[in-house]
C-alpha atoms as a PDB file:
ATOM      1  CA  MET A   1       0.000   0.000   0.000  1.00  0.00           C
ATOM      2  CA  ARG A   2       1.228   3.452  -0.849  1.00  0.00           C
ATOM      3  CA  ALA A   3       0.146   6.638   0.882  1.00  0.00           C
ATOM      4  CA  LEU A   4       1.257  10.226   0.751  1.00  0.00           C
ATOM      5  CA  SER A   5       0.295  13.509   2.279  1.00  0.00           C
ATOM      6  CA  ILE A   6       0.742  17.100   1.189  1.00  0.00           C
ATOM      7  CA  SER A   7      -0.476  19.941   3.360  1.00  0.00           C
ATOM      8  CA  VAL A   8      -1.044  23.597   2.625  1.00  0.00           C
ATOM      9  CA  ILE A   9      -0.617  26.216   5.322  1.00  0.00           C
ATOM     10  CA  SER A  10      -2.059  29.607   4.543  1.00  0.00           C
ATOM     11  CA  LYS A  11      -3.318  32.708   6.290  1.00  0.00           C
ATOM     12  CA  ALA A  12      -6.294  32.807   3.936  1.00  0.00           C
ATOM     13  CA  PHE A  13      -9.271  30.452   4.296  1.00  0.00           C
ATOM     14  CA  ASN A  14     -10.131  29.224   0.822  1.00  0.00           C
ATOM     15  CA  PRO A  15     -10.587  25.432   0.710  1.00  0.00           C
ATOM     16  CA  GLU A  16     -11.750  25.393  -2.917  1.00  0.00           C
ATOM     17  CA  ARG A  17      -8.627  27.191  -4.116  1.00  0.00           C
ATOM     18  CA  TYR A  18      -6.165  25.088  -2.165  1.00  0.00           C
ATOM     19  CA  GLY A  19      -8.119  21.907  -2.862  1.00  0.00           C
ATOM     20  CA  ALA A  20      -7.733  22.574  -6.584  1.00  0.00           C
ATOM     21  CA  LEU A  21      -4.011  23.118  -6.055  1.00  0.00           C
ATOM     22  CA  LEU A  22      -3.668  19.851  -4.136  1.00  0.00           C
ATOM     23  CA  ARG A  23      -5.594  17.945  -6.823  1.00  0.00           C
ATOM     24  CA  VAL A  24      -2.718  18.889  -9.141  1.00  0.00           C
ATOM     25  CA  LEU A  25       0.231  18.535  -6.756  1.00  0.00           C
ATOM     26  CA  VAL A  26      -0.688  15.119  -5.317  1.00  0.00           C
ATOM     27  CA  PRO A  27      -0.706  13.270  -8.668  1.00  0.00           C
ATOM     28  CA  LYS A  28       2.502  15.073  -9.627  1.00  0.00           C
ATOM     29  CA  TYR A  29       4.206  13.833  -6.488  1.00  0.00           C
ATOM     30  CA  ALA A  30       2.680  10.347  -6.744  1.00  0.00           C
ATOM     31  CA  ALA A  31       3.930   9.956 -10.315  1.00  0.00           C
ATOM     32  CA  SER A  32       7.500  11.034  -9.646  1.00  0.00           C
ATOM     33  CA  GLY A  33       8.044  10.440  -5.924  1.00  0.00           C
ATOM     34  CA  ASP A  34      10.300  13.471  -6.009  1.00  0.00           C
ATOM     35  CA  PRO A  35       9.530  16.387  -3.652  1.00  0.00           C
ATOM     36  CA  THR A  36      11.101  18.824  -6.085  1.00  0.00           C
ATOM     37  CA  SER A  37       8.092  18.310  -8.379  1.00  0.00           C
ATOM     38  CA  VAL A  38       5.883  19.714  -5.595  1.00  0.00           C
ATOM     39  CA  LEU A  39       8.293  22.624  -5.149  1.00  0.00           C
ATOM     40  CA  GLU A  40       8.228  23.219  -8.899  1.00  0.00           C
ATOM     41  CA  GLY A  41       4.429  23.372  -8.818  1.00  0.00           C
ATOM     42  CA  TYR A  42       4.435  25.720  -5.831  1.00  0.00           C
ATOM     43  CA  LEU A  43       6.918  28.044  -7.481  1.00  0.00           C
ATOM     44  CA  SER A  44       4.874  28.004 -10.674  1.00  0.00           C
ATOM     45  CA  ILE A  45       1.790  29.103  -8.731  1.00  0.00           C
ATOM     46  CA  PHE A  46       3.743  31.703  -6.782  1.00  0.00           C
ATOM     47  CA  THR A  47       5.369  33.284  -9.844  1.00  0.00           C
ATOM     48  CA  THR A  48       2.775  32.923 -12.631  1.00  0.00           C
ATOM     49  CA  GLY A  49      -0.486  32.175 -10.809  1.00  0.00           C
ATOM     50  CA  ALA A  50      -1.011  28.984 -12.821  1.00  0.00           C
ATOM     51  CA  ILE A  51       0.243  25.406 -12.869  1.00  0.00           C
ATOM     52  CA  THR A  52       0.444  22.762 -15.587  1.00  0.00           C
ATOM     53  CA  VAL A  53      -1.746  19.732 -14.942  1.00  0.00           C
ATOM     54  CA  PRO A  54       0.101  16.382 -15.202  1.00  0.00           C
ATOM     55  CA  GLY A  55      -0.719  14.256 -18.233  1.00  0.00           C
ATOM     56  CA  GLY A  56      -0.890  17.164 -20.659  1.00  0.00           C
ATOM     57  CA  GLY A  57      -4.107  18.628 -19.256  1.00  0.00           C
ATOM     58  CA  PRO A  58      -4.990  22.309 -19.323  1.00  0.00           C
ATOM     59  CA  ARG A  59      -3.216  24.778 -17.073  1.00  0.00           C
ATOM     60  CA  LEU A  60      -4.930  25.384 -13.743  1.00  0.00           C
ATOM     61  CA  ASP A  61      -5.311  29.111 -13.108  1.00  0.00           C
ATOM     62  CA  LEU A  62      -5.623  30.028  -9.437  1.00  0.00           C
ATOM     63  CA  ALA A  63      -6.503  33.677  -9.994  1.00  0.00           C
ATOM     64  CA  ASP A  64      -8.123  35.498  -7.101  1.00  0.00           C
ATOM     65  CA  ALA A  65     -11.171  36.378  -9.204  1.00  0.00           C
ATOM     66  CA  LYS A  66     -11.974  32.702  -9.787  1.00  0.00           C
ATOM     67  CA  PHE A  67     -11.612  31.669  -6.130  1.00  0.00           C
ATOM     68  CA  ASP A  68     -13.208  34.564  -4.241  1.00  0.00           C
ATOM     69  CA  GLY A  69     -12.316  34.592  -0.543  1.00  0.00           C
ATOM     70  CA  LYS A  70     -15.718  35.928   0.563  1.00  0.00           C
ATOM     71  CA  ARG A  71     -17.502  33.194  -1.344  1.00  0.00           C
ATOM     72  CA  ALA A  72     -15.275  30.582   0.314  1.00  0.00           C
ATOM     73  CA  LEU A  73     -16.367  31.761   3.742  1.00  0.00           C
ATOM     74  CA  LEU A  74     -20.032  31.251   2.842  1.00  0.00           C
ATOM     75  CA  ALA A  75     -19.726  27.994   0.894  1.00  0.00           C
ATOM     76  CA  ASN A  76     -21.795  25.147   2.307  1.00  0.00           C
ATOM     77  CA  CYS A  77     -23.223  27.461   4.974  1.00  0.00           C
ATOM     78  CA  SER A  78     -26.916  27.257   5.765  1.00  0.00           C
ATOM     79  CA  LEU A  79     -28.569  29.708   8.125  1.00  0.00           C
ATOM     80  CA  LYS A  80     -31.254  27.127   8.904  1.00  0.00           C
ATOM     81  CA  ASP A  81     -28.630  24.617  10.034  1.00  0.00           C
ATOM     82  CA  LEU A  82     -26.833  27.270  12.048  1.00  0.00           C
ATOM     83  CA  HIS A  83     -30.062  28.177  13.850  1.00  0.00           C
ATOM     84  CA  ARG A  84     -30.917  24.523  14.427  1.00  0.00           C
ATOM     85  CA  ILE A  85     -27.515  23.866  16.027  1.00  0.00           C
ATOM     86  CA  PHE A  86     -27.123  27.008  18.140  1.00  0.00           C
ATOM     87  CA  GLY A  87     -30.734  28.090  18.686  1.00  0.00           C
ATOM     88  CA  VAL A  88     -31.182  31.624  19.999  1.00  0.00           C
ATOM     89  CA  GLU A  89     -27.417  32.058  20.371  1.00  0.00           C
ATOM     90  CA  SER A  90     -27.147  32.002  16.564  1.00  0.00           C
ATOM     91  CA  ILE A  91     -28.144  35.700  16.661  1.00  0.00           C
ATOM     92  CA  LEU A  92     -24.959  36.421  18.623  1.00  0.00           C
ATOM     93  CA  LEU A  93     -22.901  34.523  16.046  1.00  0.00           C
ATOM     94  CA  TRP A  94     -24.554  36.412  13.205  1.00  0.00           C
ATOM     95  CA  ASN A  95     -23.797  39.775  14.845  1.00  0.00           C
ATOM     96  CA  ALA A  96     -20.185  38.785  15.463  1.00  0.00           C
END
């Protein structure tokens, strides 16, 4: 059995953006087994804002406009579920 793990540490909360990045970096690392391929992908994102998908796929563009930070904070958030869990105290959470 073969397992690997890559983690992303960031000050910004944007699981969709970093999930898309990991969906590219994990297969890259699994194919080569070389950590420099992950570094290469990170540097590509850091310098150009895009990364080449392994297997000749299209380039993944991680532009800020595509992965809006405000939208990430509200993704999969239901006010009904929040009220059901916290009851009256949900008003305090909403005001915070």
